[in-house]
Amino acid sequence: MSLTINVNTENFEQLVLKSELPVVLGFWAPWCGPCLAMKPAVEELAGVWAGQVVVALVNVDENQALAMQHRITSLPTLMTFVDGKMEERIAGSLPKHVLENIIRRTLLAVAA
């Protein structure tokens, strides 16, 4: 069972912008090799940090308007949100330890 949530155009505001927890949002596509390579680490970290941060995914093939709204030009792209505001944006495939550091920075932003 996946601990990531699927975000789309209809639920973006509620699940990301109005989230009480910080959100790590990944834009991906099923044909994107680097996205698929990162997915196991993303899923694992969603479980490790459950209750402290929301890990969410947007399939850009199914949500092109949302990808355009956020100017997604390369995949994967990660964005972090705290209190409905984007804090960080990183494009490209990332190893698990870098993903975990992003989560830690996001939690520090909440504490600041």
Protein backbone atom coordinates (compact mmCIF):
# COMPACT_ATOMS: atom_id res chain seq x y z
CA MET A 1 0.00 0.00 0.00
CA SER A 2 1.36 3.39 -1.01
CA LEU A 3 1.68 6.15 1.54
CA THR A 4 1.98 8.80 -1.15
CA ILE A 5 -1.15 10.65 -2.19
CA ASN A 6 -2.14 11.38 -5.77
CA VAL A 7 -2.78 15.03 -6.46
CA ASN A 8 -4.73 16.33 -9.43
CA THR A 9 -6.23 19.59 -10.60
CA GLU A 10 -9.41 19.04 -8.59
CA ASN A 11 -7.78 18.29 -5.22
CA PHE A 12 -4.55 20.36 -5.43
CA GLU A 13 -5.84 23.26 -3.37
CA GLN A 14 -7.21 21.06 -0.60
CA LEU A 15 -4.37 18.52 -0.40
CA VAL A 16 -1.41 20.83 -1.02
CA LEU A 17 -2.25 24.48 -0.41
CA LYS A 18 -4.52 23.88 2.59
CA SER A 19 -2.53 21.01 4.10
CA GLU A 20 -1.84 21.36 7.82
CA LEU A 21 1.41 19.43 7.28
CA PRO A 22 4.23 20.48 4.97
CA VAL A 23 4.00 18.87 1.53
CA VAL A 24 6.68 17.40 -0.72
CA LEU A 25 5.09 17.31 -4.17
CA GLY A 26 6.64 15.32 -7.01
CA PHE A 27 5.73 15.84 -10.66
CA TRP A 28 6.32 12.65 -12.67
CA ALA A 29 5.18 10.61 -15.66
CA PRO A 30 4.88 6.85 -16.17
CA TRP A 31 7.25 7.00 -19.19
CA CYS A 32 9.95 8.90 -17.25
CA GLY A 33 12.82 6.55 -16.37
CA PRO A 34 14.36 8.79 -13.69
CA CYS A 35 10.91 9.24 -12.12
CA LEU A 36 10.40 5.49 -11.92
CA ALA A 37 13.91 5.01 -10.52
CA MET A 38 13.16 7.50 -7.69
CA LYS A 39 9.72 6.15 -6.89
CA PRO A 40 10.80 3.41 -4.41
CA ALA A 41 12.78 5.95 -2.35
CA VAL A 42 9.88 8.41 -2.44
CA GLU A 43 7.47 5.68 -1.29
CA GLU A 44 9.82 4.60 1.51
CA LEU A 45 10.32 8.16 2.77
CA ALA A 46 6.55 8.75 2.69
CA GLY A 47 6.29 5.93 5.23
CA VAL A 48 9.23 7.05 7.35
CA TRP A 49 7.96 10.63 7.63
CA ALA A 50 4.20 9.85 7.77
CA GLY A 51 2.42 12.18 10.16
CA GLN A 52 5.12 14.84 9.82
CA VAL A 53 5.05 15.58 6.11
CA VAL A 54 2.73 14.74 3.22
CA VAL A 55 4.40 13.15 0.20
CA ALA A 56 2.27 13.68 -2.89
CA LEU A 57 2.63 12.90 -6.59
CA VAL A 58 1.23 14.53 -9.73
CA ASN A 59 1.11 12.50 -12.94
CA VAL A 60 1.75 15.20 -15.56
CA ASP A 61 0.19 13.12 -18.34
CA GLU A 62 -3.12 13.14 -16.47
CA ASN A 63 -2.79 16.70 -15.11
CA GLN A 64 -1.28 18.81 -17.86
CA ALA A 65 -2.97 22.01 -16.69
CA LEU A 66 -1.44 21.64 -13.24
CA ALA A 67 1.99 20.98 -14.74
CA MET A 68 1.66 24.06 -16.95
CA GLN A 69 0.46 26.19 -14.04
CA HIS A 70 3.64 25.28 -12.12
CA ARG A 71 5.86 25.61 -15.20
CA ILE A 72 7.11 22.03 -15.09
CA THR A 73 9.63 21.69 -17.91
CA SER A 74 11.62 18.66 -16.74
CA LEU A 75 10.85 15.47 -14.88
CA PRO A 76 11.03 14.62 -12.14
CA THR A 77 10.49 17.94 -10.39
CA LEU A 78 9.98 18.22 -6.65
CA MET A 79 8.39 21.17 -4.91
CA THR A 80 7.94 21.73 -1.20
CA PHE A 81 5.04 23.65 0.29
CA VAL A 82 4.71 25.05 3.81
CA ASP A 83 1.50 26.79 4.82
CA GLY A 84 0.38 26.84 1.19
CA LYS A 85 3.51 28.57 -0.09
CA MET A 86 6.15 26.97 -2.26
CA GLU A 87 9.46 26.89 -0.40
CA GLU A 88 11.75 24.91 -2.69
CA ARG A 89 11.83 23.55 -6.24
CA ILE A 90 14.32 20.97 -7.49
CA ALA A 91 14.40 19.32 -10.91
CA GLY A 92 16.10 16.05 -11.76
CA SER A 93 16.58 12.60 -10.33
CA LEU A 94 17.74 12.60 -6.73
CA PRO A 95 19.18 9.87 -4.50
CA LYS A 96 17.32 8.88 -1.34
CA HIS A 97 19.64 10.76 1.03
CA VAL A 98 19.06 14.02 -0.88
CA LEU A 99 15.28 13.44 -0.80
CA GLU A 100 15.52 12.94 2.96
CA ASN A 101 17.51 16.18 3.31
CA ILE A 102 14.78 18.00 1.40
CA ILE A 103 12.21 16.67 3.87
CA ARG A 104 14.40 17.74 6.81
CA ARG A 105 14.79 21.27 5.36
CA THR A 106 11.05 21.46 4.84
CA LEU A 107 10.43 20.52 8.47
CA LEU A 108 12.97 23.13 9.59
CA ALA A 109 11.05 25.73 7.57
CA VAL A 110 7.95 24.85 9.57
CA ALA A 111 9.82 25.22 12.85
CA ALA A 112 11.29 28.62 11.89
